[in-house]
Amino acid sequence: MSGNPLASKIAAPYARALFDFSVEKNIMHQITADFQNLEIFLKEAGELTDYLNNPVVNQEAKREILTKTLQSQVNTETFKFLMVLVERNRINILESVISKYLELVYETASIKMIEVVTAFPFTNLQKNTLIQKLKELTSAREIRLLITVDSSLIGGFLIKTESKVVDFSIKNQLQNLAKHLDTVLEI
C-alpha cells in the first residue's frame, strides 16, 4: 500500500495490463497465487531483490537468475511477464507491480487491504476479532491485514486504510493528553 510513489505510478499500467490479460485468459487465480508467493519470496530473499534492482547487472544475467530461481516455480504466463519486465528494464519495479496487481485483484474480489501497526504482535484471537470488526465496518467480503510491529507506540495499535487512519495507540493518547495539558496550563 505504501512505497515509492514514482515506482507505483510506473508499475500501474504494467499491473493493469497483466490483470486484464489474466482475466481474459482466465488465469487470474494462478497469477494471483504466483504474485502472493513472489511477494513473500522477494521480502525474504533480499539479495535477489538487490541483484534485480542493480542497474549495473545486465539483462542477460537477470534473465538467467530468474530462469534458475523462478521458471519452474511459477505459471508460464507469470514467467513471461517477468521476462518482459527484464527486457524493458522494469524488473526493478517488480515489487510495485505485484502490489498494484494484487490491489486490482482484491478490489475486484471485494477484499480490503488494511495496514495495522501494533506495539506488540497480535494473537490469532485478536487478529480474527479485528478482521471480523473490520468486515462489519467496511462491508468487505474479506480483509487482508498487513501487520507491522512498532514498539514506539508503547501499547495499542493504529489502522490505516486508503483514506483513513484510526489511532488507538498509547503514544497518541499521551500526545493528546500533553496537548490538552499545554492548553489548560496556558489559561
C-alpha atoms as a PDB file:
ATOM      1  CA  MET A   1       0.000   0.000   0.000  1.00  0.00           C
ATOM      2  CA  SER A   2       2.881   2.319   0.627  1.00  0.00           C
ATOM      3  CA  GLY A   3       6.231   2.641  -1.095  1.00  0.00           C
ATOM      4  CA  ASN A   4       7.909   4.683  -3.778  1.00  0.00           C
ATOM      5  CA  PRO A   5       5.248   6.864  -5.496  1.00  0.00           C
ATOM      6  CA  LEU A   6       7.205   7.051  -8.771  1.00  0.00           C
ATOM      7  CA  ALA A   7       7.658   3.278  -8.938  1.00  0.00           C
ATOM      8  CA  SER A   8       3.988   2.883  -8.096  1.00  0.00           C
ATOM      9  CA  LYS A   9       2.989   5.213 -10.938  1.00  0.00           C
ATOM     10  CA  ILE A  10       5.232   3.390 -13.436  1.00  0.00           C
ATOM     11  CA  ALA A  11       4.009  -0.008 -12.178  1.00  0.00           C
ATOM     12  CA  ALA A  12       0.292   0.752 -12.545  1.00  0.00           C
ATOM     13  CA  PRO A  13      -0.005   0.236 -16.344  1.00  0.00           C
ATOM     14  CA  TYR A  14       2.015  -2.995 -16.174  1.00  0.00           C
ATOM     15  CA  ALA A  15      -0.193  -4.291 -13.368  1.00  0.00           C
ATOM     16  CA  ARG A  16      -3.362  -3.274 -15.242  1.00  0.00           C
ATOM     17  CA  ALA A  17      -2.195  -4.941 -18.460  1.00  0.00           C
ATOM     18  CA  LEU A  18      -1.354  -8.170 -16.631  1.00  0.00           C
ATOM     19  CA  PHE A  19      -4.645  -8.046 -14.728  1.00  0.00           C
ATOM     20  CA  ASP A  20      -6.668  -7.571 -17.936  1.00  0.00           C
ATOM     21  CA  PHE A  21      -4.689 -10.352 -19.634  1.00  0.00           C
ATOM     22  CA  SER A  22      -5.194 -12.726 -16.686  1.00  0.00           C
ATOM     23  CA  VAL A  23      -8.945 -12.097 -16.679  1.00  0.00           C
ATOM     24  CA  GLU A  24      -9.167 -12.528 -20.459  1.00  0.00           C
ATOM     25  CA  LYS A  25      -7.203 -15.812 -20.369  1.00  0.00           C
ATOM     26  CA  ASN A  26      -8.998 -16.992 -17.214  1.00  0.00           C
ATOM     27  CA  ILE A  27      -5.721 -17.422 -15.288  1.00  0.00           C
ATOM     28  CA  MET A  28      -6.176 -14.698 -12.678  1.00  0.00           C
ATOM     29  CA  HIS A  29      -6.115 -17.202  -9.796  1.00  0.00           C
ATOM     30  CA  GLN A  30      -2.806 -18.736 -10.927  1.00  0.00           C
ATOM     31  CA  ILE A  31      -1.097 -15.372 -11.454  1.00  0.00           C
ATOM     32  CA  THR A  32      -2.501 -14.043  -8.187  1.00  0.00           C
ATOM     33  CA  ALA A  33      -1.157 -17.072  -6.308  1.00  0.00           C
ATOM     34  CA  ASP A  34       2.213 -16.633  -8.051  1.00  0.00           C
ATOM     35  CA  PHE A  35       2.346 -12.963  -7.097  1.00  0.00           C
ATOM     36  CA  GLN A  36       1.314 -13.604  -3.491  1.00  0.00           C
ATOM     37  CA  ASN A  37       4.106 -16.187  -3.207  1.00  0.00           C
ATOM     38  CA  LEU A  38       6.568 -13.948  -5.060  1.00  0.00           C
ATOM     39  CA  GLU A  39       5.791 -11.047  -2.738  1.00  0.00           C
ATOM     40  CA  ILE A  40       6.743 -13.171   0.277  1.00  0.00           C
ATOM     41  CA  PHE A  41       9.759 -14.683  -1.503  1.00  0.00           C
ATOM     42  CA  LEU A  42      11.163 -11.284  -2.509  1.00  0.00           C
ATOM     43  CA  LYS A  43      10.858  -9.970   1.050  1.00  0.00           C
ATOM     44  CA  GLU A  44      12.756 -12.990   2.362  1.00  0.00           C
ATOM     45  CA  ALA A  45      15.349 -13.021  -0.457  1.00  0.00           C
ATOM     46  CA  GLY A  46      16.778  -9.532  -0.091  1.00  0.00           C
ATOM     47  CA  GLU A  47      19.898 -10.422  -2.079  1.00  0.00           C
ATOM     48  CA  LEU A  48      17.810 -11.396  -5.109  1.00  0.00           C
ATOM     49  CA  THR A  49      15.849  -8.153  -4.924  1.00  0.00           C
ATOM     50  CA  ASP A  50      19.071  -6.145  -4.636  1.00  0.00           C
ATOM     51  CA  TYR A  51      20.525  -8.055  -7.604  1.00  0.00           C
ATOM     52  CA  LEU A  52      17.454  -7.415  -9.785  1.00  0.00           C
ATOM     53  CA  ASN A  53      17.381  -3.742  -8.771  1.00  0.00           C
ATOM     54  CA  ASN A  54      21.077  -3.233  -9.538  1.00  0.00           C
ATOM     55  CA  PRO A  55      21.431  -1.173 -12.754  1.00  0.00           C
ATOM     56  CA  VAL A  56      24.985  -2.472 -13.262  1.00  0.00           C
ATOM     57  CA  VAL A  57      23.764  -6.069 -13.693  1.00  0.00           C
ATOM     58  CA  ASN A  58      22.890  -6.693 -17.354  1.00  0.00           C
ATOM     59  CA  GLN A  59      19.579  -8.045 -18.662  1.00  0.00           C
ATOM     60  CA  GLU A  60      21.013 -11.430 -19.605  1.00  0.00           C
ATOM     61  CA  ALA A  61      22.264 -12.030 -16.055  1.00  0.00           C
ATOM     62  CA  LYS A  62      18.880 -11.018 -14.633  1.00  0.00           C
ATOM     63  CA  ARG A  63      17.093 -13.312 -17.099  1.00  0.00           C
ATOM     64  CA  GLU A  64      19.408 -16.163 -16.135  1.00  0.00           C
ATOM     65  CA  ILE A  65      18.894 -15.766 -12.373  1.00  0.00           C
ATOM     66  CA  LEU A  66      15.104 -15.548 -12.777  1.00  0.00           C
ATOM     67  CA  THR A  67      15.128 -18.623 -15.016  1.00  0.00           C
ATOM     68  CA  LYS A  68      17.108 -20.614 -12.450  1.00  0.00           C
ATOM     69  CA  THR A  69      15.113 -19.490  -9.421  1.00  0.00           C
ATOM     70  CA  LEU A  70      11.553 -18.998 -10.661  1.00  0.00           C
ATOM     71  CA  GLN A  71      10.796 -20.609 -14.024  1.00  0.00           C
ATOM     72  CA  SER A  72       9.790 -23.967 -12.534  1.00  0.00           C
ATOM     73  CA  GLN A  73       8.010 -22.298  -9.601  1.00  0.00           C
ATOM     74  CA  VAL A  74       5.529 -20.033 -11.401  1.00  0.00           C
ATOM     75  CA  ASN A  75       2.925 -20.182 -14.146  1.00  0.00           C
ATOM     76  CA  THR A  76       4.305 -19.859 -17.708  1.00  0.00           C
ATOM     77  CA  GLU A  77       2.469 -16.573 -18.267  1.00  0.00           C
ATOM     78  CA  THR A  78       3.778 -15.150 -14.991  1.00  0.00           C
ATOM     79  CA  PHE A  79       7.313 -16.054 -16.046  1.00  0.00           C
ATOM     80  CA  LYS A  80       6.826 -14.492 -19.494  1.00  0.00           C
ATOM     81  CA  PHE A  81       5.645 -11.310 -17.781  1.00  0.00           C
ATOM     82  CA  LEU A  82       8.784 -11.255 -15.619  1.00  0.00           C
ATOM     83  CA  MET A  83      10.875 -11.570 -18.790  1.00  0.00           C
ATOM     84  CA  VAL A  84       9.013  -8.593 -20.311  1.00  0.00           C
ATOM     85  CA  LEU A  85       9.909  -6.551 -17.232  1.00  0.00           C
ATOM     86  CA  VAL A  86      13.566  -7.551 -17.649  1.00  0.00           C
ATOM     87  CA  GLU A  87      13.570  -6.681 -21.377  1.00  0.00           C
ATOM     88  CA  ARG A  88      12.063  -3.253 -20.691  1.00  0.00           C
ATOM     89  CA  ASN A  89      14.432  -2.560 -17.788  1.00  0.00           C
ATOM     90  CA  ARG A  90      11.481  -2.514 -15.380  1.00  0.00           C
ATOM     91  CA  ILE A  91      12.317  -5.551 -13.229  1.00  0.00           C
ATOM     92  CA  ASN A  92      13.395  -3.057 -10.549  1.00  0.00           C
ATOM     93  CA  ILE A  93       9.706  -2.129 -10.038  1.00  0.00           C
ATOM     94  CA  LEU A  94       8.574  -5.756  -9.674  1.00  0.00           C
ATOM     95  CA  GLU A  95       7.503  -5.280  -6.051  1.00  0.00           C
ATOM     96  CA  SER A  96       5.375  -2.262  -7.025  1.00  0.00           C
ATOM     97  CA  VAL A  97       3.860  -4.176  -9.958  1.00  0.00           C
ATOM     98  CA  ILE A  98       2.976  -7.057  -7.629  1.00  0.00           C
ATOM     99  CA  SER A  99       1.425  -4.651  -5.127  1.00  0.00           C
ATOM    100  CA  LYS A 100      -0.625  -2.837  -7.798  1.00  0.00           C
ATOM    101  CA  TYR A 101      -1.736  -6.119  -9.397  1.00  0.00           C
ATOM    102  CA  LEU A 102      -2.880  -7.526  -6.049  1.00  0.00           C
ATOM    103  CA  GLU A 103      -4.736  -4.274  -5.297  1.00  0.00           C
ATOM    104  CA  LEU A 104      -6.679  -4.716  -8.559  1.00  0.00           C
ATOM    105  CA  VAL A 105      -7.473  -8.344  -7.724  1.00  0.00           C
ATOM    106  CA  TYR A 106      -8.546  -7.531  -4.175  1.00  0.00           C
ATOM    107  CA  GLU A 107     -10.671  -4.610  -5.332  1.00  0.00           C
ATOM    108  CA  THR A 108     -12.422  -6.852  -7.855  1.00  0.00           C
ATOM    109  CA  ALA A 109     -12.992  -9.552  -5.241  1.00  0.00           C
ATOM    110  CA  SER A 110     -14.143  -7.040  -2.576  1.00  0.00           C
ATOM    111  CA  ILE A 111     -11.080  -7.758  -0.451  1.00  0.00           C
ATOM    112  CA  LYS A 112      -9.813  -4.827   1.583  1.00  0.00           C
ATOM    113  CA  MET A 113      -6.115  -4.404   2.320  1.00  0.00           C
ATOM    114  CA  ILE A 114      -5.715  -2.764   5.705  1.00  0.00           C
ATOM    115  CA  GLU A 115      -2.433  -1.813   7.344  1.00  0.00           C
ATOM    116  CA  VAL A 116      -2.242  -2.305  11.087  1.00  0.00           C
ATOM    117  CA  VAL A 117       0.666  -1.024  13.153  1.00  0.00           C
ATOM    118  CA  THR A 118       0.784  -2.521  16.627  1.00  0.00           C
ATOM    119  CA  ALA A 119       3.041  -2.174  19.650  1.00  0.00           C
ATOM    120  CA  PHE A 120       3.071  -5.956  20.202  1.00  0.00           C
ATOM    121  CA  PRO A 121       2.262  -8.888  17.875  1.00  0.00           C
ATOM    122  CA  PHE A 122      -1.412  -9.886  17.835  1.00  0.00           C
ATOM    123  CA  THR A 123      -2.565 -13.299  18.971  1.00  0.00           C
ATOM    124  CA  ASN A 124      -4.657 -15.257  16.467  1.00  0.00           C
ATOM    125  CA  LEU A 125      -7.783 -14.493  18.508  1.00  0.00           C
ATOM    126  CA  GLN A 126      -7.046 -10.748  18.438  1.00  0.00           C
ATOM    127  CA  LYS A 127      -6.329 -10.885  14.705  1.00  0.00           C
ATOM    128  CA  ASN A 128      -9.563 -12.759  13.951  1.00  0.00           C
ATOM    129  CA  THR A 129     -11.630 -10.433  16.165  1.00  0.00           C
ATOM    130  CA  LEU A 130     -10.151  -7.384  14.416  1.00  0.00           C
ATOM    131  CA  ILE A 131     -10.854  -8.910  10.991  1.00  0.00           C
ATOM    132  CA  GLN A 132     -14.488  -9.566  11.946  1.00  0.00           C
ATOM    133  CA  LYS A 133     -14.965  -5.991  13.190  1.00  0.00           C
ATOM    134  CA  LEU A 134     -13.318  -4.551  10.082  1.00  0.00           C
ATOM    135  CA  LYS A 135     -15.549  -6.683   7.837  1.00  0.00           C
ATOM    136  CA  GLU A 136     -18.602  -5.240   9.592  1.00  0.00           C
ATOM    137  CA  LEU A 137     -17.310  -1.667   9.300  1.00  0.00           C
ATOM    138  CA  THR A 138     -16.178  -1.854   5.671  1.00  0.00           C
ATOM    139  CA  SER A 139     -18.753  -4.288   4.230  1.00  0.00           C
ATOM    140  CA  ALA A 140     -15.842  -6.121   2.608  1.00  0.00           C
ATOM    141  CA  ARG A 141     -16.180  -9.793   1.806  1.00  0.00           C
ATOM    142  CA  GLU A 142     -12.653 -10.420   3.049  1.00  0.00           C
ATOM    143  CA  ILE A 143      -9.991  -8.460   4.935  1.00  0.00           C
ATOM    144  CA  ARG A 144      -6.233  -8.827   4.408  1.00  0.00           C
ATOM    145  CA  LEU A 145      -4.158  -7.378   7.220  1.00  0.00           C
ATOM    146  CA  LEU A 146      -0.640  -6.052   6.688  1.00  0.00           C
ATOM    147  CA  ILE A 147       0.658  -6.074  10.255  1.00  0.00           C
ATOM    148  CA  THR A 148       3.749  -4.179  11.346  1.00  0.00           C
ATOM    149  CA  VAL A 149       5.097  -4.192  14.895  1.00  0.00           C
ATOM    150  CA  ASP A 150       6.345  -0.801  16.139  1.00  0.00           C
ATOM    151  CA  SER A 151       7.290  -0.734  19.828  1.00  0.00           C
ATOM    152  CA  SER A 152       7.398   3.097  19.814  1.00  0.00           C
ATOM    153  CA  LEU A 153       3.582   3.028  20.009  1.00  0.00           C
ATOM    154  CA  ILE A 154       4.044   1.853  23.642  1.00  0.00           C
ATOM    155  CA  GLY A 155       0.724  -0.011  23.519  1.00  0.00           C
ATOM    156  CA  GLY A 156      -2.375  -0.304  21.365  1.00  0.00           C
ATOM    157  CA  PHE A 157      -2.453  -0.091  17.564  1.00  0.00           C
ATOM    158  CA  LEU A 158      -3.363   2.065  14.600  1.00  0.00           C
ATOM    159  CA  ILE A 159      -5.310   1.126  11.490  1.00  0.00           C
ATOM    160  CA  LYS A 160      -4.653   2.587   8.028  1.00  0.00           C
ATOM    161  CA  THR A 161      -6.999   2.200   5.072  1.00  0.00           C
ATOM    162  CA  GLU A 162      -6.884   4.039   1.744  1.00  0.00           C
ATOM    163  CA  SER A 163      -8.477   7.147   3.202  1.00  0.00           C
ATOM    164  CA  LYS A 164      -8.423   6.915   6.996  1.00  0.00           C
ATOM    165  CA  VAL A 165      -6.044   6.441   9.897  1.00  0.00           C
ATOM    166  CA  VAL A 166      -7.557   5.398  13.214  1.00  0.00           C
ATOM    167  CA  ASP A 167      -5.067   5.630  16.077  1.00  0.00           C
ATOM    168  CA  PHE A 168      -5.693   3.601  19.250  1.00  0.00           C
ATOM    169  CA  SER A 169      -2.072   3.761  20.413  1.00  0.00           C
ATOM    170  CA  ILE A 170      -0.984   4.808  23.882  1.00  0.00           C
ATOM    171  CA  LYS A 171       1.618   7.066  22.253  1.00  0.00           C
ATOM    172  CA  ASN A 172      -1.188   9.004  20.524  1.00  0.00           C
ATOM    173  CA  GLN A 173      -3.231   9.202  23.735  1.00  0.00           C
ATOM    174  CA  LEU A 174      -0.205  10.562  25.611  1.00  0.00           C
ATOM    175  CA  GLN A 175       0.416  13.147  22.872  1.00  0.00           C
ATOM    176  CA  ASN A 176      -3.228  14.248  23.013  1.00  0.00           C
ATOM    177  CA  LEU A 177      -3.039  14.482  26.817  1.00  0.00           C
ATOM    178  CA  ALA A 178       0.135  16.601  26.542  1.00  0.00           C
ATOM    179  CA  LYS A 179      -1.595  18.958  24.076  1.00  0.00           C
ATOM    180  CA  HIS A 180      -4.601  19.218  26.373  1.00  0.00           C
ATOM    181  CA  LEU A 181      -2.386  19.978  29.383  1.00  0.00           C
ATOM    182  CA  ASP A 182      -0.498  22.605  27.362  1.00  0.00           C
ATOM    183  CA  THR A 183      -3.745  24.415  26.529  1.00  0.00           C
ATOM    184  CA  VAL A 184      -5.025  24.136  30.129  1.00  0.00           C
ATOM    185  CA  LEU A 185      -1.759  25.415  31.591  1.00  0.00           C
ATOM    186  CA  GLU A 186      -1.719  28.385  29.189  1.00  0.00           C
ATOM    187  CA  ILE A 187      -5.055  29.601  30.542  1.00  0.00           C
END
